[in-house]
N, C-alpha and C. Protein backbone atom coordinates (compact mmCIF):
# COMPACT_ATOMS: atom_id res chain seq x y z
N UNK A 1 -4.71 -82.16 -29.57
CA UNK A 1 -5.55 -81.43 -30.37
C UNK A 1 -5.60 -79.92 -29.69
N UNK A 2 -5.15 -78.87 -30.61
CA UNK A 2 -5.39 -77.64 -30.21
C UNK A 2 -6.64 -77.04 -30.34
N UNK A 3 -7.13 -75.98 -29.36
CA UNK A 3 -8.38 -75.39 -29.65
C UNK A 3 -7.98 -74.13 -30.60
N UNK A 4 -9.06 -73.56 -31.05
CA UNK A 4 -8.73 -72.50 -31.97
C UNK A 4 -8.27 -71.21 -31.24
N UNK A 5 -7.39 -70.73 -31.87
CA UNK A 5 -6.63 -69.46 -31.39
C UNK A 5 -6.75 -68.42 -32.34
N UNK A 6 -6.65 -67.23 -32.00
CA UNK A 6 -6.74 -66.12 -32.94
C UNK A 6 -5.58 -66.22 -33.92
N UNK A 7 -5.77 -65.84 -35.27
CA UNK A 7 -4.84 -66.17 -36.35
C UNK A 7 -3.76 -65.13 -36.33
N UNK A 8 -4.24 -63.81 -36.09
CA UNK A 8 -3.13 -62.73 -36.04
C UNK A 8 -3.26 -62.11 -34.71
N UNK A 9 -2.83 -60.84 -34.53
CA UNK A 9 -2.97 -60.17 -33.30
C UNK A 9 -4.27 -59.95 -32.66
N UNK A 10 -4.46 -60.18 -31.71
CA UNK A 10 -5.94 -59.98 -30.95
C UNK A 10 -6.07 -58.44 -30.76
N UNK A 11 -7.26 -57.92 -30.89
CA UNK A 11 -7.65 -56.62 -30.72
C UNK A 11 -7.29 -56.02 -29.45
N UNK A 12 -6.55 -54.96 -29.24
CA UNK A 12 -6.18 -54.49 -28.07
C UNK A 12 -7.25 -54.28 -27.03
N UNK A 13 -8.35 -53.94 -27.32
CA UNK A 13 -9.53 -53.80 -26.49
C UNK A 13 -9.85 -55.25 -25.86
N UNK A 14 -9.73 -56.41 -26.77
CA UNK A 14 -10.05 -57.58 -26.40
C UNK A 14 -9.11 -57.96 -25.35
N UNK A 15 -7.91 -57.72 -25.43
CA UNK A 15 -6.89 -58.09 -24.53
C UNK A 15 -6.96 -57.53 -23.22
N UNK A 16 -7.28 -56.20 -23.33
CA UNK A 16 -7.39 -55.47 -21.94
C UNK A 16 -8.73 -55.83 -21.34
N UNK A 17 -9.79 -56.15 -22.00
CA UNK A 17 -10.96 -56.55 -21.42
C UNK A 17 -10.64 -57.89 -20.68
N UNK A 18 -9.92 -58.95 -21.40
CA UNK A 18 -9.59 -60.30 -20.70
C UNK A 18 -8.77 -59.98 -19.43
N UNK A 19 -7.97 -59.08 -19.40
CA UNK A 19 -7.07 -58.65 -18.21
C UNK A 19 -7.87 -57.80 -17.13
N UNK A 20 -9.03 -57.39 -17.44
CA UNK A 20 -9.77 -56.67 -16.49
C UNK A 20 -10.14 -57.51 -15.40
N UNK A 21 -10.31 -58.88 -15.56
CA UNK A 21 -10.76 -59.67 -14.36
C UNK A 21 -9.58 -60.13 -13.64
N UNK A 22 -9.62 -60.02 -12.40
CA UNK A 22 -8.46 -60.30 -11.50
C UNK A 22 -8.04 -61.73 -11.61
N UNK A 23 -8.96 -62.61 -11.59
CA UNK A 23 -8.57 -64.07 -11.76
C UNK A 23 -7.81 -64.43 -13.06
N UNK A 24 -8.23 -63.65 -14.22
CA UNK A 24 -7.56 -63.93 -15.54
C UNK A 24 -6.15 -63.20 -15.42
N UNK A 25 -6.02 -62.19 -14.72
CA UNK A 25 -4.74 -61.54 -14.64
C UNK A 25 -3.84 -62.26 -13.79
N UNK A 26 -4.25 -62.99 -12.58
CA UNK A 26 -3.60 -63.96 -11.97
C UNK A 26 -3.18 -65.03 -12.69
N UNK A 27 -3.89 -65.65 -13.47
CA UNK A 27 -3.57 -66.80 -14.41
C UNK A 27 -2.25 -66.23 -15.15
N UNK A 28 -2.36 -65.20 -15.92
CA UNK A 28 -1.28 -64.59 -16.70
C UNK A 28 -0.07 -64.25 -15.96
N UNK A 29 -0.26 -63.76 -14.81
CA UNK A 29 0.80 -63.41 -14.06
C UNK A 29 1.71 -64.72 -13.49
N UNK A 30 0.93 -65.68 -13.07
CA UNK A 30 1.55 -66.96 -12.86
C UNK A 30 2.42 -67.56 -13.92
N UNK A 31 1.56 -67.57 -15.11
CA UNK A 31 2.36 -68.13 -16.22
C UNK A 31 3.60 -67.27 -16.62
N UNK A 32 3.45 -65.75 -16.42
CA UNK A 32 4.59 -65.04 -16.90
C UNK A 32 5.66 -65.23 -16.02
N UNK A 33 5.46 -65.58 -14.61
CA UNK A 33 6.61 -65.78 -13.68
C UNK A 33 7.29 -66.91 -13.95
N UNK A 34 6.87 -67.77 -14.71
CA UNK A 34 7.63 -69.07 -15.03
C UNK A 34 8.31 -68.75 -16.45
N UNK A 35 9.60 -68.39 -16.35
CA UNK A 35 10.19 -67.96 -17.43
C UNK A 35 10.53 -69.22 -18.41
N UNK A 36 10.57 -70.45 -17.84
CA UNK A 36 10.65 -71.64 -18.62
C UNK A 36 9.50 -71.93 -19.51
N UNK A 37 8.33 -71.10 -19.34
CA UNK A 37 7.19 -71.22 -20.17
C UNK A 37 6.64 -72.71 -20.23
N UNK A 38 6.66 -73.44 -18.91
CA UNK A 38 6.10 -74.63 -18.74
C UNK A 38 4.62 -74.70 -19.10
N UNK A 39 4.27 -75.82 -19.71
CA UNK A 39 2.85 -76.09 -19.74
C UNK A 39 2.20 -76.38 -18.39
N UNK A 40 1.02 -75.89 -18.15
CA UNK A 40 0.26 -76.29 -16.93
C UNK A 40 -1.01 -76.78 -17.09
N UNK A 41 -1.65 -77.48 -16.30
CA UNK A 41 -3.06 -77.92 -16.43
C UNK A 41 -3.92 -76.91 -15.99
N UNK A 42 -5.09 -76.82 -16.32
CA UNK A 42 -6.11 -75.85 -15.95
C UNK A 42 -6.53 -76.01 -14.53
N UNK A 43 -6.52 -77.06 -13.76
CA UNK A 43 -6.82 -77.30 -12.39
C UNK A 43 -5.68 -76.85 -11.58
N UNK A 44 -4.42 -76.57 -12.17
CA UNK A 44 -3.12 -76.31 -11.34
C UNK A 44 -3.20 -74.94 -10.94
N UNK A 45 -4.27 -73.98 -11.22
CA UNK A 45 -4.36 -72.87 -10.90
C UNK A 45 -5.30 -72.70 -9.59
N UNK A 46 -4.96 -72.04 -8.70
CA UNK A 46 -5.87 -72.05 -7.29
C UNK A 46 -6.83 -70.82 -7.57
N UNK A 47 -7.80 -70.98 -8.53
CA UNK A 47 -8.76 -70.05 -8.55
C UNK A 47 -10.17 -70.51 -7.68
N UNK A 48 -10.45 -69.42 -6.98
CA UNK A 48 -11.78 -69.68 -6.12
C UNK A 48 -13.09 -69.61 -6.86
N UNK A 49 -13.23 -70.24 -8.00
CA UNK A 49 -14.26 -70.28 -8.65
C UNK A 49 -14.73 -71.63 -9.23
N UNK A 50 -15.83 -71.79 -9.54
CA UNK A 50 -16.33 -73.23 -10.14
C UNK A 50 -15.58 -73.55 -11.40
N UNK A 51 -15.62 -74.79 -11.65
CA UNK A 51 -15.01 -75.37 -12.88
C UNK A 51 -15.53 -74.82 -14.28
N UNK A 52 -16.96 -74.56 -14.14
CA UNK A 52 -17.57 -73.83 -15.37
C UNK A 52 -16.88 -72.37 -15.61
N UNK A 53 -16.89 -71.66 -14.42
CA UNK A 53 -16.24 -70.24 -14.43
C UNK A 53 -14.86 -70.22 -14.88
N UNK A 54 -13.99 -71.35 -14.36
CA UNK A 54 -12.47 -71.47 -14.85
C UNK A 54 -12.50 -71.57 -16.27
N UNK A 55 -13.27 -72.52 -16.85
CA UNK A 55 -13.36 -72.89 -18.36
C UNK A 55 -13.70 -71.51 -18.99
N UNK A 56 -14.67 -70.81 -18.60
CA UNK A 56 -14.92 -69.50 -19.16
C UNK A 56 -13.68 -68.52 -19.15
N UNK A 57 -12.91 -68.48 -17.98
CA UNK A 57 -11.83 -67.59 -17.86
C UNK A 57 -10.81 -67.99 -18.86
N UNK A 58 -10.42 -69.45 -19.06
CA UNK A 58 -9.43 -69.73 -20.03
C UNK A 58 -9.99 -69.50 -21.43
N UNK A 59 -11.13 -69.59 -21.81
CA UNK A 59 -11.68 -69.38 -23.17
C UNK A 59 -11.42 -68.07 -23.45
N UNK A 60 -11.72 -67.18 -22.56
CA UNK A 60 -11.57 -65.65 -22.62
C UNK A 60 -10.11 -65.18 -23.01
N UNK A 61 -9.16 -65.75 -22.01
CA UNK A 61 -7.89 -65.61 -22.40
C UNK A 61 -7.31 -66.17 -23.58
N UNK A 62 -7.77 -67.39 -24.06
CA UNK A 62 -7.35 -68.03 -25.32
C UNK A 62 -7.78 -67.20 -26.41
N UNK A 63 -9.05 -66.66 -26.39
CA UNK A 63 -9.56 -65.87 -27.54
C UNK A 63 -8.97 -64.43 -27.69
N UNK A 64 -8.39 -64.01 -26.49
CA UNK A 64 -7.61 -62.69 -26.56
C UNK A 64 -6.29 -62.82 -27.06
N UNK A 65 -5.93 -64.23 -27.25
CA UNK A 65 -4.47 -64.47 -27.85
C UNK A 65 -3.40 -64.47 -26.83
N UNK A 66 -3.78 -64.66 -25.33
CA UNK A 66 -2.79 -64.35 -24.33
C UNK A 66 -2.38 -65.98 -24.02
N UNK A 67 -3.18 -66.94 -24.24
CA UNK A 67 -2.63 -68.17 -23.96
C UNK A 67 -2.85 -69.26 -25.22
N UNK A 68 -2.18 -70.38 -25.13
CA UNK A 68 -2.37 -71.47 -26.06
C UNK A 68 -2.98 -72.61 -25.20
N UNK A 69 -3.98 -73.12 -25.62
CA UNK A 69 -4.62 -74.13 -24.74
C UNK A 69 -4.60 -75.61 -25.65
N UNK A 70 -4.07 -76.54 -25.12
CA UNK A 70 -4.07 -77.72 -25.75
C UNK A 70 -5.08 -78.66 -25.26
N UNK A 71 -5.92 -79.37 -25.88
CA UNK A 71 -6.91 -80.29 -25.43
C UNK A 71 -6.29 -81.70 -25.62
N UNK A 72 -6.25 -82.25 -24.52
CA UNK A 72 -5.73 -83.67 -24.33
C UNK A 72 -6.89 -84.72 -24.13
N UNK A 73 -8.09 -84.26 -24.27
CA UNK A 73 -9.43 -85.13 -24.16
C UNK A 73 -9.73 -84.99 -22.83
N UNK A 74 -9.07 -85.48 -21.68
CA UNK A 74 -9.62 -85.54 -20.31
C UNK A 74 -8.95 -84.37 -19.54
N UNK A 75 -8.17 -83.57 -20.06
CA UNK A 75 -7.48 -82.40 -19.64
C UNK A 75 -6.98 -81.61 -20.61
N UNK A 76 -6.86 -80.33 -20.15
CA UNK A 76 -6.17 -79.22 -20.92
C UNK A 76 -4.90 -78.72 -20.43
N UNK A 77 -4.19 -78.36 -21.48
CA UNK A 77 -2.79 -77.87 -21.03
C UNK A 77 -2.79 -76.30 -21.47
N UNK A 78 -2.21 -75.44 -20.70
CA UNK A 78 -2.03 -73.98 -20.84
C UNK A 78 -0.72 -73.52 -20.96
N UNK A 79 -0.42 -72.72 -21.94
CA UNK A 79 0.90 -72.25 -22.00
C UNK A 79 0.66 -70.71 -22.56
N UNK A 80 1.57 -70.02 -21.95
CA UNK A 80 1.61 -68.37 -22.31
C UNK A 80 1.97 -68.35 -23.55
N UNK A 81 1.64 -67.38 -24.30
CA UNK A 81 2.15 -66.90 -25.73
C UNK A 81 2.83 -65.79 -25.49
N UNK A 82 3.97 -65.95 -24.73
CA UNK A 82 5.03 -64.92 -24.33
C UNK A 82 5.74 -64.29 -25.51
N UNK A 83 6.06 -64.67 -26.48
CA UNK A 83 6.56 -64.10 -27.55
C UNK A 83 5.70 -63.08 -28.40
N UNK A 84 4.39 -63.59 -28.45
CA UNK A 84 3.42 -62.77 -29.18
C UNK A 84 3.00 -61.51 -28.29
N UNK A 85 2.91 -61.73 -26.82
CA UNK A 85 2.61 -60.65 -26.12
C UNK A 85 3.68 -59.67 -26.05
N UNK A 86 4.93 -60.13 -25.90
CA UNK A 86 6.09 -59.31 -25.75
C UNK A 86 6.27 -58.38 -27.12
N UNK A 87 6.00 -59.02 -28.25
CA UNK A 87 6.02 -58.28 -29.41
C UNK A 87 4.94 -57.20 -29.57
N UNK A 88 3.83 -57.50 -29.25
CA UNK A 88 2.53 -56.85 -29.30
C UNK A 88 2.58 -55.65 -28.18
N UNK A 89 2.69 -56.09 -26.86
CA UNK A 89 2.62 -55.30 -25.74
C UNK A 89 3.96 -55.43 -24.88
N UNK A 90 4.91 -54.75 -25.33
CA UNK A 90 6.13 -54.98 -24.46
C UNK A 90 6.05 -54.24 -23.19
N UNK A 91 6.35 -55.12 -22.13
CA UNK A 91 6.35 -54.67 -20.69
C UNK A 91 5.16 -55.07 -19.97
N UNK A 92 4.16 -55.81 -20.66
CA UNK A 92 2.86 -55.93 -20.04
C UNK A 92 3.11 -57.25 -19.06
N UNK A 93 3.79 -58.02 -19.42
CA UNK A 93 4.10 -59.22 -18.60
C UNK A 93 4.86 -58.80 -17.31
N UNK A 94 5.71 -58.00 -17.47
CA UNK A 94 6.54 -57.39 -16.36
C UNK A 94 5.55 -56.69 -15.29
N UNK A 95 4.70 -55.99 -15.85
CA UNK A 95 3.75 -55.06 -15.05
C UNK A 95 2.77 -56.13 -14.31
N UNK A 96 2.36 -57.16 -14.92
CA UNK A 96 1.48 -58.19 -14.34
C UNK A 96 2.17 -58.89 -13.20
N UNK A 97 3.39 -59.24 -13.44
CA UNK A 97 4.17 -60.14 -12.48
C UNK A 97 4.44 -58.97 -11.20
N UNK A 98 4.82 -57.73 -11.43
CA UNK A 98 4.97 -56.73 -10.28
C UNK A 98 3.71 -56.61 -9.63
N UNK A 99 2.57 -56.59 -10.28
CA UNK A 99 1.31 -56.35 -9.57
C UNK A 99 1.03 -57.60 -8.64
N UNK A 100 1.42 -58.76 -9.10
CA UNK A 100 1.06 -59.94 -8.42
C UNK A 100 2.00 -59.91 -7.01
N UNK A 101 3.32 -59.68 -7.29
CA UNK A 101 4.17 -59.64 -6.15
C UNK A 101 3.72 -58.54 -5.11
N UNK A 102 3.33 -57.34 -5.62
CA UNK A 102 2.95 -56.32 -4.63
C UNK A 102 1.79 -56.78 -3.90
N UNK A 103 0.80 -57.58 -4.45
CA UNK A 103 -0.49 -57.98 -3.85
C UNK A 103 -0.14 -59.07 -2.86
N UNK A 104 0.98 -59.84 -3.00
CA UNK A 104 1.35 -60.83 -1.98
C UNK A 104 1.89 -60.11 -0.77
N UNK A 105 2.54 -59.05 -0.89
CA UNK A 105 3.14 -58.28 0.08
C UNK A 105 2.03 -57.62 1.12
N UNK A 106 0.88 -57.40 0.52
CA UNK A 106 -0.16 -56.60 1.19
C UNK A 106 -0.98 -57.67 2.05
């Protein structure tokens, strides 16, 4: 069962507000680094926050149109909406992955 997702393009301000948080940027950068666009579970991300806060972060990303979230009942799958992001904001995913690589070097 899929969660509700934005029908059209998400508002640009909503996307940027979603990405203003470093944990949400990390999630998107990790998903973007996987060019195979594999589905991941919510708990596969090493976020140093509570489960409730993780749920909030994934909801914000979903509502911004950045991820597709699939509810399997006892777990959720997350997949990047790469085509939509690349169409709407070309180069954004490359910037986020470059930021992530640079942060790992410091």
